[in-house]
Structure formats: structure tokens, C-alpha cells
Amino acid sequence: MSPVRTMKGPNILITGTPGVGKSTLAQQLSEHSGLEWINVGDLAKDNNYFDGYDDERDCPVLDEDKVLDELEDKIAEGGNIIDYHGCDFFPERFFDIVFVLRTNNTLLYDRLAASINET
């Protein structure tokens, strides 16, 4: 008989279009709940989890297998908020709940334009 594992809390995925407020919500939720916030983009950058470069989109290609390998044990422990703009490569079993954030296109445009001007 295998031992029963107690999770630290739910695993939550917050997803949506860039600029919609995923990281803001994830950070606030983490601060109030004590759950660990993991931004997949930052995780990939910090660990060089890329598999080439997409010249057409002018961005690195995420190595999804490396990301999943990195997250596997953390997800098994529970208590995580995962922040990423996509959700299609995550196994369904990873998450207890998924939030897809949306906003008005005009507001989204203004946010993205402001972030471009900051760089």
C-alpha cells in the first residue's frame, strides 16, 4: 500500500493573453494565500528552458518538456500558482482549478503599448 500524500494546497493555473493581469493577480493571490507563485516565463528564462528561436514571432521557443520536468515535483507537493499565457501543454492532472483572464481589447492595447514604451 502506498503512503497517502498530503498536499500543501491546491495547484492553480492563471492563464490569458499577455497584458491581461495574470502576474498581478498571481502575485496578490500568493501574498494572501501563502501559495507559491511560479511564472513560467521567468522559470524558462532563469533556467534557459528554450528549444530554438522563432524568427517569425521574434521570440525563443519554450522547451515544454523541460518546464514540465521542473514543475512535476512541485505540482505533486501542491500549493502552487502557475502563471503562463498558454495552457495546452500542461497535463490536466496538474491543476485543481484554472482561471482564464480576459479584459476589454482597448484596455489591453493601452497596457501593452505602455509596457512597450517602458522598455
N, C-alpha and C. Protein backbone atom coordinates (compact mmCIF):
# COMPACT_ATOMS: atom_id res chain seq x y z
N MET A 1 0.85 -1.17 0.00
CA MET A 1 0.00 0.00 0.00
C MET A 1 0.90 1.24 0.00
N SER A 2 0.60 2.18 -0.90
CA SER A 2 1.41 3.39 -0.97
C SER A 2 0.93 4.40 0.07
N PRO A 3 1.87 5.21 0.58
CA PRO A 3 1.50 6.19 1.60
C PRO A 3 0.61 7.28 1.02
N VAL A 4 -0.27 7.80 1.85
CA VAL A 4 -1.13 8.90 1.44
C VAL A 4 -0.32 10.19 1.55
N ARG A 5 -0.32 10.98 0.47
CA ARG A 5 0.42 12.24 0.49
C ARG A 5 -0.55 13.39 0.74
N THR A 6 -0.15 14.27 1.61
CA THR A 6 -0.95 15.44 1.89
C THR A 6 -0.38 16.62 1.10
N MET A 7 -1.23 17.24 0.31
CA MET A 7 -0.79 18.38 -0.49
C MET A 7 -0.79 19.65 0.36
N LYS A 8 0.11 20.56 0.03
CA LYS A 8 0.23 21.84 0.74
C LYS A 8 -0.92 22.78 0.42
N GLY A 9 -1.66 22.48 -0.59
CA GLY A 9 -2.76 23.32 -1.04
C GLY A 9 -3.07 23.03 -2.49
N PRO A 10 -4.02 23.73 -3.06
CA PRO A 10 -4.38 23.48 -4.45
C PRO A 10 -3.31 23.97 -5.41
N ASN A 11 -3.31 23.40 -6.60
CA ASN A 11 -2.50 23.91 -7.70
C ASN A 11 -3.43 24.69 -8.62
N ILE A 12 -3.07 25.93 -8.86
CA ILE A 12 -3.91 26.85 -9.63
C ILE A 12 -3.14 27.30 -10.86
N LEU A 13 -3.81 27.30 -12.02
CA LEU A 13 -3.24 27.87 -13.23
C LEU A 13 -3.98 29.17 -13.53
N ILE A 14 -3.22 30.25 -13.73
CA ILE A 14 -3.79 31.52 -14.17
C ILE A 14 -3.23 31.77 -15.56
N THR A 15 -4.13 31.85 -16.53
CA THR A 15 -3.73 31.97 -17.92
C THR A 15 -4.53 33.07 -18.60
N GLY A 16 -4.08 33.49 -19.77
CA GLY A 16 -4.76 34.54 -20.53
C GLY A 16 -3.77 35.29 -21.40
N THR A 17 -4.29 36.15 -22.21
CA THR A 17 -3.50 36.95 -23.14
C THR A 17 -2.45 37.78 -22.39
N PRO A 18 -1.25 37.94 -22.97
CA PRO A 18 -0.27 38.82 -22.34
C PRO A 18 -0.87 40.22 -22.08
N GLY A 19 -0.62 40.75 -20.89
CA GLY A 19 -1.10 42.07 -20.53
C GLY A 19 -2.44 42.09 -19.83
N VAL A 20 -3.05 40.92 -19.66
CA VAL A 20 -4.39 40.88 -19.08
C VAL A 20 -4.38 40.98 -17.55
N GLY A 21 -3.23 40.75 -16.92
CA GLY A 21 -3.13 40.89 -15.47
C GLY A 21 -2.84 39.60 -14.73
N LYS A 22 -2.34 38.59 -15.44
CA LYS A 22 -2.05 37.29 -14.81
C LYS A 22 -1.05 37.41 -13.67
N SER A 23 0.06 38.05 -13.94
CA SER A 23 1.11 38.15 -12.93
C SER A 23 0.67 38.99 -11.74
N THR A 24 -0.06 40.05 -12.00
CA THR A 24 -0.57 40.88 -10.91
C THR A 24 -1.49 40.07 -10.00
N LEU A 25 -2.43 39.35 -10.61
CA LEU A 25 -3.35 38.53 -9.82
C LEU A 25 -2.61 37.41 -9.10
N ALA A 26 -1.69 36.74 -9.80
CA ALA A 26 -0.95 35.63 -9.19
C ALA A 26 -0.13 36.10 -8.00
N GLN A 27 0.52 37.24 -8.14
CA GLN A 27 1.32 37.79 -7.04
C GLN A 27 0.45 38.12 -5.84
N GLN A 28 -0.67 38.78 -6.08
CA GLN A 28 -1.57 39.14 -4.97
C GLN A 28 -2.15 37.90 -4.31
N LEU A 29 -2.56 36.94 -5.11
CA LEU A 29 -3.11 35.70 -4.57
C LEU A 29 -2.06 34.96 -3.74
N SER A 30 -0.83 34.95 -4.23
CA SER A 30 0.26 34.30 -3.50
C SER A 30 0.50 34.98 -2.15
N GLU A 31 0.52 36.31 -2.16
CA GLU A 31 0.75 37.06 -0.92
C GLU A 31 -0.34 36.79 0.12
N HIS A 32 -1.58 36.67 -0.33
CA HIS A 32 -2.70 36.49 0.60
C HIS A 32 -2.95 35.04 1.00
N SER A 33 -2.50 34.11 0.17
CA SER A 33 -2.80 32.69 0.44
C SER A 33 -1.61 31.90 0.96
N GLY A 34 -0.39 32.40 0.70
CA GLY A 34 0.80 31.64 1.06
C GLY A 34 1.18 30.59 0.03
N LEU A 35 0.43 30.51 -1.06
CA LEU A 35 0.79 29.57 -2.13
C LEU A 35 1.99 30.12 -2.89
N GLU A 36 2.78 29.21 -3.47
CA GLU A 36 3.97 29.63 -4.21
C GLU A 36 3.59 30.06 -5.62
N TRP A 37 4.05 31.24 -6.01
CA TRP A 37 3.79 31.78 -7.35
C TRP A 37 4.95 31.41 -8.26
N ILE A 38 4.64 30.75 -9.37
CA ILE A 38 5.65 30.37 -10.35
C ILE A 38 5.25 30.96 -11.70
N ASN A 39 6.05 31.90 -12.19
CA ASN A 39 5.84 32.49 -13.50
C ASN A 39 6.64 31.64 -14.49
N VAL A 40 5.96 30.97 -15.41
CA VAL A 40 6.63 30.04 -16.32
C VAL A 40 7.63 30.77 -17.21
N GLY A 41 7.32 31.98 -17.64
CA GLY A 41 8.26 32.74 -18.46
C GLY A 41 9.56 33.01 -17.72
N ASP A 42 9.45 33.40 -16.45
CA ASP A 42 10.65 33.64 -15.64
C ASP A 42 11.41 32.34 -15.38
N LEU A 43 10.68 31.27 -15.11
CA LEU A 43 11.29 29.96 -14.89
C LEU A 43 12.11 29.55 -16.12
N ALA A 44 11.53 29.74 -17.30
CA ALA A 44 12.22 29.38 -18.54
C ALA A 44 13.46 30.23 -18.75
N LYS A 45 13.34 31.53 -18.52
CA LYS A 45 14.50 32.43 -18.69
C LYS A 45 15.61 32.09 -17.70
N ASP A 46 15.24 31.89 -16.44
CA ASP A 46 16.23 31.62 -15.40
C ASP A 46 16.99 30.32 -15.63
N ASN A 47 16.35 29.35 -16.29
CA ASN A 47 16.95 28.03 -16.48
C ASN A 47 17.27 27.70 -17.93
N ASN A 48 17.09 28.69 -18.81
CA ASN A 48 17.33 28.52 -20.24
C ASN A 48 16.54 27.33 -20.81
N TYR A 49 15.26 27.28 -20.50
CA TYR A 49 14.39 26.21 -20.99
C TYR A 49 13.79 26.60 -22.34
N PHE A 50 14.68 26.73 -23.32
CA PHE A 50 14.26 27.09 -24.67
C PHE A 50 14.77 26.07 -25.66
N ASP A 51 14.03 25.92 -26.73
CA ASP A 51 14.36 24.96 -27.78
C ASP A 51 14.38 25.69 -29.12
N GLY A 52 15.34 26.58 -29.28
CA GLY A 52 15.46 27.31 -30.53
C GLY A 52 14.83 28.69 -30.45
N TYR A 53 14.70 29.29 -31.63
CA TYR A 53 14.19 30.66 -31.74
C TYR A 53 13.23 30.73 -32.91
N ASP A 54 12.12 31.41 -32.73
CA ASP A 54 11.12 31.60 -33.78
C ASP A 54 11.36 32.96 -34.42
N ASP A 55 11.97 32.97 -35.60
CA ASP A 55 12.29 34.23 -36.28
C ASP A 55 11.03 34.99 -36.68
N GLU A 56 9.99 34.27 -37.05
CA GLU A 56 8.75 34.92 -37.48
C GLU A 56 8.10 35.71 -36.34
N ARG A 57 8.10 35.13 -35.15
CA ARG A 57 7.49 35.79 -33.99
C ARG A 57 8.51 36.56 -33.15
N ASP A 58 9.79 36.42 -33.53
CA ASP A 58 10.88 37.12 -32.85
C ASP A 58 10.91 36.82 -31.35
N CYS A 59 10.89 35.51 -31.04
CA CYS A 59 10.93 35.10 -29.64
C CYS A 59 11.49 33.69 -29.52
N PRO A 60 12.03 33.36 -28.34
CA PRO A 60 12.51 32.00 -28.12
C PRO A 60 11.34 31.02 -28.05
N VAL A 61 11.62 29.76 -28.40
CA VAL A 61 10.61 28.70 -28.35
C VAL A 61 10.78 27.96 -27.03
N LEU A 62 9.72 27.90 -26.25
CA LEU A 62 9.74 27.25 -24.95
C LEU A 62 9.96 25.75 -25.10
N ASP A 63 10.88 25.19 -24.30
CA ASP A 63 11.05 23.74 -24.24
C ASP A 63 10.08 23.22 -23.19
N GLU A 64 8.91 22.84 -23.65
CA GLU A 64 7.82 22.45 -22.76
C GLU A 64 8.18 21.24 -21.90
N ASP A 65 8.93 20.30 -22.45
CA ASP A 65 9.32 19.12 -21.68
C ASP A 65 10.17 19.49 -20.47
N LYS A 66 11.10 20.41 -20.65
CA LYS A 66 11.95 20.84 -19.53
C LYS A 66 11.13 21.55 -18.47
N VAL A 67 10.17 22.37 -18.91
CA VAL A 67 9.30 23.07 -17.95
C VAL A 67 8.49 22.05 -17.16
N LEU A 68 7.90 21.08 -17.86
CA LEU A 68 7.09 20.07 -17.17
C LEU A 68 7.93 19.25 -16.20
N ASP A 69 9.15 18.88 -16.62
CA ASP A 69 10.04 18.14 -15.72
C ASP A 69 10.35 18.95 -14.46
N GLU A 70 10.57 20.25 -14.63
CA GLU A 70 10.87 21.13 -13.49
C GLU A 70 9.68 21.25 -12.54
N LEU A 71 8.48 21.29 -13.10
CA LEU A 71 7.28 21.51 -12.29
C LEU A 71 6.71 20.25 -11.65
N GLU A 72 7.05 19.10 -12.17
CA GLU A 72 6.42 17.83 -11.76
C GLU A 72 6.40 17.64 -10.23
N ASP A 73 7.55 17.75 -9.58
CA ASP A 73 7.61 17.53 -8.12
C ASP A 73 6.87 18.62 -7.35
N LYS A 74 6.99 19.86 -7.81
CA LYS A 74 6.29 20.97 -7.14
C LYS A 74 4.78 20.77 -7.22
N ILE A 75 4.30 20.35 -8.37
CA ILE A 75 2.87 20.11 -8.55
C ILE A 75 2.42 18.97 -7.65
N ALA A 76 3.23 17.92 -7.55
CA ALA A 76 2.87 16.78 -6.69
C ALA A 76 2.75 17.21 -5.23
N GLU A 77 3.58 18.17 -4.80
CA GLU A 77 3.52 18.68 -3.43
C GLU A 77 2.29 19.55 -3.21
N GLY A 78 1.86 20.26 -4.25
CA GLY A 78 0.70 21.15 -4.16
C GLY A 78 1.08 22.53 -3.65
N GLY A 79 0.09 23.41 -3.65
CA GLY A 79 0.29 24.75 -3.12
C GLY A 79 0.95 25.72 -4.07
N ASN A 80 0.64 25.60 -5.37
CA ASN A 80 1.29 26.43 -6.38
C ASN A 80 0.29 27.24 -7.19
N ILE A 81 0.74 28.42 -7.59
CA ILE A 81 0.01 29.24 -8.55
C ILE A 81 0.93 29.34 -9.77
N ILE A 82 0.50 28.77 -10.87
CA ILE A 82 1.29 28.79 -12.10
C ILE A 82 0.72 29.89 -12.99
N ASP A 83 1.60 30.73 -13.49
CA ASP A 83 1.24 31.91 -14.27
C ASP A 83 1.86 31.75 -15.66
N TYR A 84 1.00 31.60 -16.68
CA TYR A 84 1.50 31.46 -18.06
C TYR A 84 0.40 31.80 -19.04
N HIS A 85 0.78 32.30 -20.21
CA HIS A 85 -0.23 32.72 -21.19
C HIS A 85 -0.89 31.57 -21.94
N GLY A 86 -0.34 30.38 -21.85
CA GLY A 86 -0.95 29.22 -22.51
C GLY A 86 -1.22 28.12 -21.51
N CYS A 87 -2.01 27.16 -21.93
CA CYS A 87 -2.31 26.05 -21.01
C CYS A 87 -2.32 24.71 -21.72
N ASP A 88 -2.13 24.70 -23.02
CA ASP A 88 -2.33 23.49 -23.80
C ASP A 88 -1.29 22.40 -23.56
N PHE A 89 -0.11 22.72 -23.07
CA PHE A 89 0.89 21.67 -22.89
C PHE A 89 0.92 21.09 -21.48
N PHE A 90 0.19 21.69 -20.56
CA PHE A 90 0.13 21.17 -19.19
C PHE A 90 -0.81 19.97 -19.12
N PRO A 91 -0.42 18.91 -18.42
CA PRO A 91 -1.36 17.80 -18.20
C PRO A 91 -2.55 18.28 -17.37
N GLU A 92 -3.72 17.81 -17.70
CA GLU A 92 -4.93 18.20 -16.99
C GLU A 92 -4.83 17.90 -15.50
N ARG A 93 -4.12 16.83 -15.16
CA ARG A 93 -3.99 16.40 -13.76
C ARG A 93 -3.19 17.38 -12.90
N PHE A 94 -2.47 18.30 -13.51
CA PHE A 94 -1.63 19.24 -12.77
C PHE A 94 -2.44 20.19 -11.88
N PHE A 95 -3.65 20.55 -12.31
CA PHE A 95 -4.34 21.67 -11.68
C PHE A 95 -5.67 21.30 -11.08
N ASP A 96 -5.95 21.92 -9.94
CA ASP A 96 -7.24 21.78 -9.29
C ASP A 96 -8.25 22.76 -9.87
N ILE A 97 -7.75 23.90 -10.33
CA ILE A 97 -8.62 24.92 -10.94
C ILE A 97 -7.79 25.76 -11.91
N VAL A 98 -8.45 26.22 -12.97
CA VAL A 98 -7.81 27.05 -13.98
C VAL A 98 -8.63 28.33 -14.13
N PHE A 99 -7.94 29.47 -14.08
CA PHE A 99 -8.59 30.75 -14.32
C PHE A 99 -8.06 31.31 -15.63
N VAL A 100 -8.96 31.63 -16.55
CA VAL A 100 -8.60 32.26 -17.82
C VAL A 100 -9.02 33.72 -17.72
N LEU A 101 -8.04 34.61 -17.69
CA LEU A 101 -8.34 36.03 -17.53
C LEU A 101 -8.58 36.68 -18.89
N ARG A 102 -9.53 37.60 -18.89
CA ARG A 102 -9.86 38.36 -20.10
C ARG A 102 -10.04 39.82 -19.71
N THR A 103 -9.91 40.69 -20.71
CA THR A 103 -10.19 42.10 -20.48
C THR A 103 -10.61 42.74 -21.79
N ASN A 104 -11.11 43.94 -21.69
CA ASN A 104 -11.51 44.73 -22.85
C ASN A 104 -10.30 44.97 -23.75
N ASN A 105 -10.47 44.84 -25.07
CA ASN A 105 -9.36 45.00 -26.01
C ASN A 105 -8.73 46.39 -25.96
N THR A 106 -9.52 47.42 -25.73
CA THR A 106 -8.97 48.77 -25.65
C THR A 106 -8.04 48.90 -24.44
N LEU A 107 -8.48 48.39 -23.32
CA LEU A 107 -7.65 48.40 -22.11
C LEU A 107 -6.39 47.57 -22.32
N LEU A 108 -6.53 46.41 -22.95
CA LEU A 108 -5.39 45.54 -23.22
C LEU A 108 -4.38 46.24 -24.13
N TYR A 109 -4.87 46.90 -25.17
CA TYR A 109 -3.99 47.63 -26.09
C TYR A 109 -3.20 48.70 -25.33
N ASP A 110 -3.91 49.46 -24.49
CA ASP A 110 -3.24 50.52 -23.72
C ASP A 110 -2.17 49.95 -22.79
N ARG A 111 -2.47 48.82 -22.15
CA ARG A 111 -1.49 48.18 -21.26
C ARG A 111 -0.25 47.72 -22.03
N LEU A 112 -0.48 47.07 -23.17
CA LEU A 112 0.65 46.57 -23.95
C LEU A 112 1.47 47.71 -24.53
N ALA A 113 0.81 48.76 -24.99
CA ALA A 113 1.53 49.93 -25.51
C ALA A 113 2.38 50.56 -24.41
N ALA A 114 1.83 50.66 -23.22
CA ALA A 114 2.58 51.23 -22.09
C ALA A 114 3.79 50.37 -21.74
N SER A 115 3.63 49.04 -21.79
CA SER A 115 4.75 48.16 -21.44
C SER A 115 5.84 48.23 -22.51
N ILE A 116 5.47 48.43 -23.76
CA ILE A 116 6.46 48.58 -24.83
C ILE A 116 7.24 49.88 -24.63
N ASN A 117 6.55 50.93 -24.24
CA ASN A 117 7.20 52.22 -24.02
C ASN A 117 8.15 52.19 -22.82
N GLU A 118 7.91 51.27 -21.86
CA GLU A 118 8.78 51.15 -20.69
C GLU A 118 10.11 50.51 -21.03
N THR A 119 10.16 49.73 -22.11
CA THR A 119 11.40 49.01 -22.45
C THR A 119 12.32 49.80 -23.33
